[in-house]
């Protein structure tokens, strides 16, 4: 029962630091960073799967927080939730940029099943992040599905590259991705309907 008051005190402290940051207080911003960066970095690393990309997303996130601290509205959620949403949008922007950088040949290897529907994995990820469902849904996939999807869509590996990297037949890799995306789509749709 003592955790509840401590959580509220921490929330009040973060709100105060954010208000001071909005007024240009660099010391308050530094303190805000020290108290929140470890949690945000964990999420950034989980989304980006590479330390260099996670670092870039973190930098972009805290720059955005510095310039937009005055936009925080406490009635819409906690300070940490607001900061996490900024980080997730920065991560999505970075993933979209990475996707655009995949050359045409690699882009052609994406399953026709998903291209034909007009919605690719990034659109589903975008919707899931807005609904705060992606993390929980990814955790529900079996490890080989989760790994294959992450490598294919976050790291931009082709099915052939995945097959080589995982030492698994090409058909099996395609099956893992196809089934994983179907389950992910169903889970996200369920989460969105609940919210």
Protein backbone atom coordinates (compact mmCIF):
# COMPACT_ATOMS: atom_id res chain seq x y z
CA UNK A 1 0.00 0.00 0.00
CA UNK A 2 2.99 2.34 0.45
CA UNK A 3 3.76 2.16 -3.29
CA UNK A 4 0.66 4.21 -4.20
CA UNK A 5 1.69 7.38 -2.29
CA UNK A 6 5.28 7.00 -3.58
CA UNK A 7 4.01 6.75 -7.16
CA UNK A 8 1.89 9.87 -6.70
CA UNK A 9 4.84 11.78 -5.19
CA UNK A 10 6.99 10.71 -8.14
CA UNK A 11 4.28 11.78 -10.59
CA UNK A 12 3.98 15.19 -8.91
CA UNK A 13 7.76 15.56 -9.06
CA UNK A 14 7.83 14.73 -12.80
CA UNK A 15 4.97 17.18 -13.46
CA UNK A 16 6.89 19.91 -11.63
CA UNK A 17 10.08 19.17 -13.56
CA UNK A 18 8.15 19.24 -16.84
CA UNK A 19 6.57 22.61 -15.93
CA UNK A 20 10.01 24.01 -15.16
CA UNK A 21 11.38 22.55 -18.39
CA UNK A 22 8.60 24.32 -20.30
CA UNK A 23 9.94 27.58 -18.81
CA UNK A 24 13.44 26.81 -20.14
CA UNK A 25 14.93 25.49 -16.89
CA UNK A 26 17.88 23.34 -18.05
CA UNK A 27 18.58 22.00 -14.56
CA UNK A 28 14.99 20.71 -14.29
CA UNK A 29 15.31 19.16 -17.76
CA UNK A 30 18.52 17.40 -16.73
CA UNK A 31 16.78 16.05 -13.63
CA UNK A 32 13.80 14.94 -15.73
CA UNK A 33 16.20 13.14 -18.05
CA UNK A 34 17.99 11.41 -15.17
CA UNK A 35 14.72 10.18 -13.68
CA UNK A 36 13.14 8.91 -16.92
CA UNK A 37 15.86 8.04 -19.44
CA UNK A 38 16.48 4.48 -18.24
CA UNK A 39 12.82 3.50 -18.74
CA UNK A 40 12.59 5.25 -22.10
CA UNK A 41 15.84 3.71 -23.31
CA UNK A 42 14.56 0.22 -22.51
CA UNK A 43 11.52 0.84 -24.72
CA UNK A 44 13.62 2.49 -27.44
CA UNK A 45 16.00 -0.47 -27.56
CA UNK A 46 13.12 -2.94 -27.64
CA UNK A 47 11.50 -1.12 -30.57
CA UNK A 48 14.63 -0.39 -32.60
CA UNK A 49 16.62 -3.57 -31.82
CA UNK A 50 19.90 -1.73 -32.38
CA UNK A 51 21.74 0.47 -29.89
CA UNK A 52 22.74 3.11 -32.44
CA UNK A 53 19.14 3.52 -33.61
CA UNK A 54 17.83 3.45 -30.04
CA UNK A 55 20.31 6.22 -29.15
CA UNK A 56 19.13 8.35 -32.09
CA UNK A 57 15.49 7.87 -31.11
CA UNK A 58 16.30 8.84 -27.52
CA UNK A 59 18.05 12.03 -28.63
CA UNK A 60 15.15 12.99 -30.90
CA UNK A 61 12.68 12.20 -28.10
CA UNK A 62 14.33 14.44 -25.51
CA UNK A 63 14.76 17.28 -28.01
CA UNK A 64 11.02 17.03 -28.71
CA UNK A 65 10.26 16.94 -24.96
CA UNK A 66 12.42 20.06 -24.41
CA UNK A 67 10.58 22.03 -27.09
CA UNK A 68 7.10 20.70 -26.30
CA UNK A 69 7.09 20.40 -22.49
CA UNK A 70 4.39 23.08 -22.29
CA UNK A 71 1.99 20.91 -24.31
CA UNK A 72 1.67 18.23 -21.62
CA UNK A 73 -1.89 17.93 -20.24
CA UNK A 74 -2.06 16.01 -16.96
CA UNK A 75 -5.68 14.95 -17.48
CA UNK A 76 -4.64 12.85 -20.47
CA UNK A 77 -2.18 10.66 -18.56
CA UNK A 78 1.02 10.56 -16.59
CA UNK A 79 4.18 12.42 -17.58
CA UNK A 80 5.91 9.12 -18.30
CA UNK A 81 3.05 7.98 -20.55
CA UNK A 82 3.27 11.27 -22.47
CA UNK A 83 7.03 10.90 -22.85
CA UNK A 84 6.66 7.26 -23.97
CA UNK A 85 4.20 8.29 -26.66
CA UNK A 86 6.70 10.84 -28.00
CA UNK A 87 9.38 8.15 -28.03
CA UNK A 88 7.12 5.70 -29.86
CA UNK A 89 6.27 8.25 -32.54
CA UNK A 90 9.98 9.04 -32.99
CA UNK A 91 10.64 5.28 -33.32
CA UNK A 92 7.87 4.93 -35.91
CA UNK A 93 9.32 7.84 -37.90
CA UNK A 94 12.73 6.19 -37.81
CA UNK A 95 11.30 2.82 -38.93
CA UNK A 96 9.46 4.49 -41.81
CA UNK A 97 12.67 6.17 -42.90
CA UNK A 98 14.49 2.84 -42.76
CA UNK A 99 11.73 1.21 -44.77
CA UNK A 100 12.04 3.88 -47.50
CA UNK A 101 15.76 3.15 -47.67
CA UNK A 102 15.23 -0.51 -48.53
CA UNK A 103 16.00 -0.89 -52.22
CA UNK A 104 13.32 -1.94 -54.68
CA UNK A 105 14.62 -5.48 -54.99
CA UNK A 106 14.32 -6.13 -51.26
CA UNK A 107 10.94 -4.42 -51.09
CA UNK A 108 9.66 -6.80 -53.78
CA UNK A 109 10.34 -9.79 -51.52
CA UNK A 110 7.67 -8.74 -48.99
CA UNK A 111 4.77 -11.18 -49.09
CA UNK A 112 2.15 -10.22 -51.68
CA UNK A 113 -0.50 -11.08 -49.11
CA UNK A 114 0.30 -7.94 -47.16
CA UNK A 115 1.14 -5.61 -50.04
CA UNK A 116 -2.12 -6.37 -51.86
CA UNK A 117 -4.24 -5.35 -48.89
CA UNK A 118 -2.73 -1.87 -48.95
CA UNK A 119 -1.61 -2.14 -45.33
CA UNK A 120 1.91 -3.09 -44.47
CA UNK A 121 3.43 -3.92 -41.11
CA UNK A 122 4.30 -0.29 -40.41
CA UNK A 123 0.66 0.75 -40.69
CA UNK A 124 -0.25 -1.99 -38.21
CA UNK A 125 2.58 -0.93 -35.92
CA UNK A 126 1.45 2.70 -36.14
CA UNK A 127 -2.14 1.76 -35.25
CA UNK A 128 -0.93 -0.50 -32.45
CA UNK A 129 1.26 2.13 -30.89
CA UNK A 130 -1.59 4.62 -30.90
CA UNK A 131 -3.70 1.98 -29.16
CA UNK A 132 -0.80 1.03 -26.85
CA UNK A 133 -1.21 -2.58 -27.94
CA UNK A 134 1.90 -3.49 -29.91
CA UNK A 135 4.14 -4.41 -26.99
CA UNK A 136 1.66 -6.79 -25.42
CA UNK A 137 0.77 -8.36 -28.76
CA UNK A 138 4.40 -8.98 -29.72
CA UNK A 139 4.94 -10.71 -26.38
CA UNK A 140 2.12 -13.14 -27.22
CA UNK A 141 3.92 -14.44 -30.32
CA UNK A 142 6.20 -17.45 -30.13
CA UNK A 143 9.88 -16.55 -30.18
CA UNK A 144 10.61 -17.60 -33.78
CA UNK A 145 7.68 -15.49 -35.08
CA UNK A 146 8.68 -12.47 -33.00
CA UNK A 147 12.33 -12.70 -34.06
CA UNK A 148 11.51 -13.17 -37.75
CA UNK A 149 9.09 -10.22 -37.81
CA UNK A 150 11.53 -7.95 -35.98
CA UNK A 151 14.41 -8.82 -38.32
CA UNK A 152 12.26 -8.51 -41.44
CA UNK A 153 10.46 -5.29 -40.68
CA UNK A 154 12.68 -3.46 -38.21
CA UNK A 155 16.09 -4.48 -39.61
CA UNK A 156 14.89 -4.76 -43.22
CA UNK A 157 16.13 -8.30 -43.87
CA UNK A 158 14.70 -10.18 -46.84
CA UNK A 159 13.24 -13.67 -46.45
CA UNK A 160 16.41 -15.11 -48.00
CA UNK A 161 18.64 -13.18 -45.59
CA UNK A 162 16.48 -14.32 -42.67
CA UNK A 163 16.75 -17.93 -43.81
CA UNK A 164 20.54 -17.68 -43.87
CA UNK A 165 20.78 -15.76 -40.58
CA UNK A 166 18.49 -18.17 -38.71
CA UNK A 167 19.77 -21.31 -40.45
CA UNK A 168 16.18 -22.22 -41.29
CA UNK A 169 14.59 -23.23 -44.63
CA UNK A 170 13.11 -20.34 -46.63
CA UNK A 171 9.57 -21.78 -46.56
CA UNK A 172 9.67 -22.08 -42.77
CA UNK A 173 10.79 -18.47 -42.35
CA UNK A 174 8.00 -17.25 -44.66
CA UNK A 175 5.50 -19.33 -42.69
CA UNK A 176 6.69 -17.89 -39.35
CA UNK A 177 6.32 -14.34 -40.65
CA UNK A 178 2.94 -14.97 -42.28
CA UNK A 179 1.47 -16.67 -39.20
CA UNK A 180 3.04 -14.17 -36.82
CA UNK A 181 1.63 -11.20 -38.73
CA UNK A 182 -1.82 -12.78 -38.84
CA UNK A 183 -1.75 -13.34 -35.07
CA UNK A 184 -0.33 -9.86 -34.50
CA UNK A 185 -3.05 -8.29 -36.64
CA UNK A 186 -5.80 -10.19 -34.77
CA UNK A 187 -4.35 -9.24 -31.37
CA UNK A 188 -4.00 -5.57 -32.31
CA UNK A 189 -7.56 -5.45 -33.68
CA UNK A 190 -8.83 -6.98 -30.42
CA UNK A 191 -6.86 -4.46 -28.34
CA UNK A 192 -8.11 -1.53 -30.42
CA UNK A 193 -11.73 -2.69 -30.03
CA UNK A 194 -11.27 -2.93 -26.25
CA UNK A 195 -9.89 0.61 -25.96
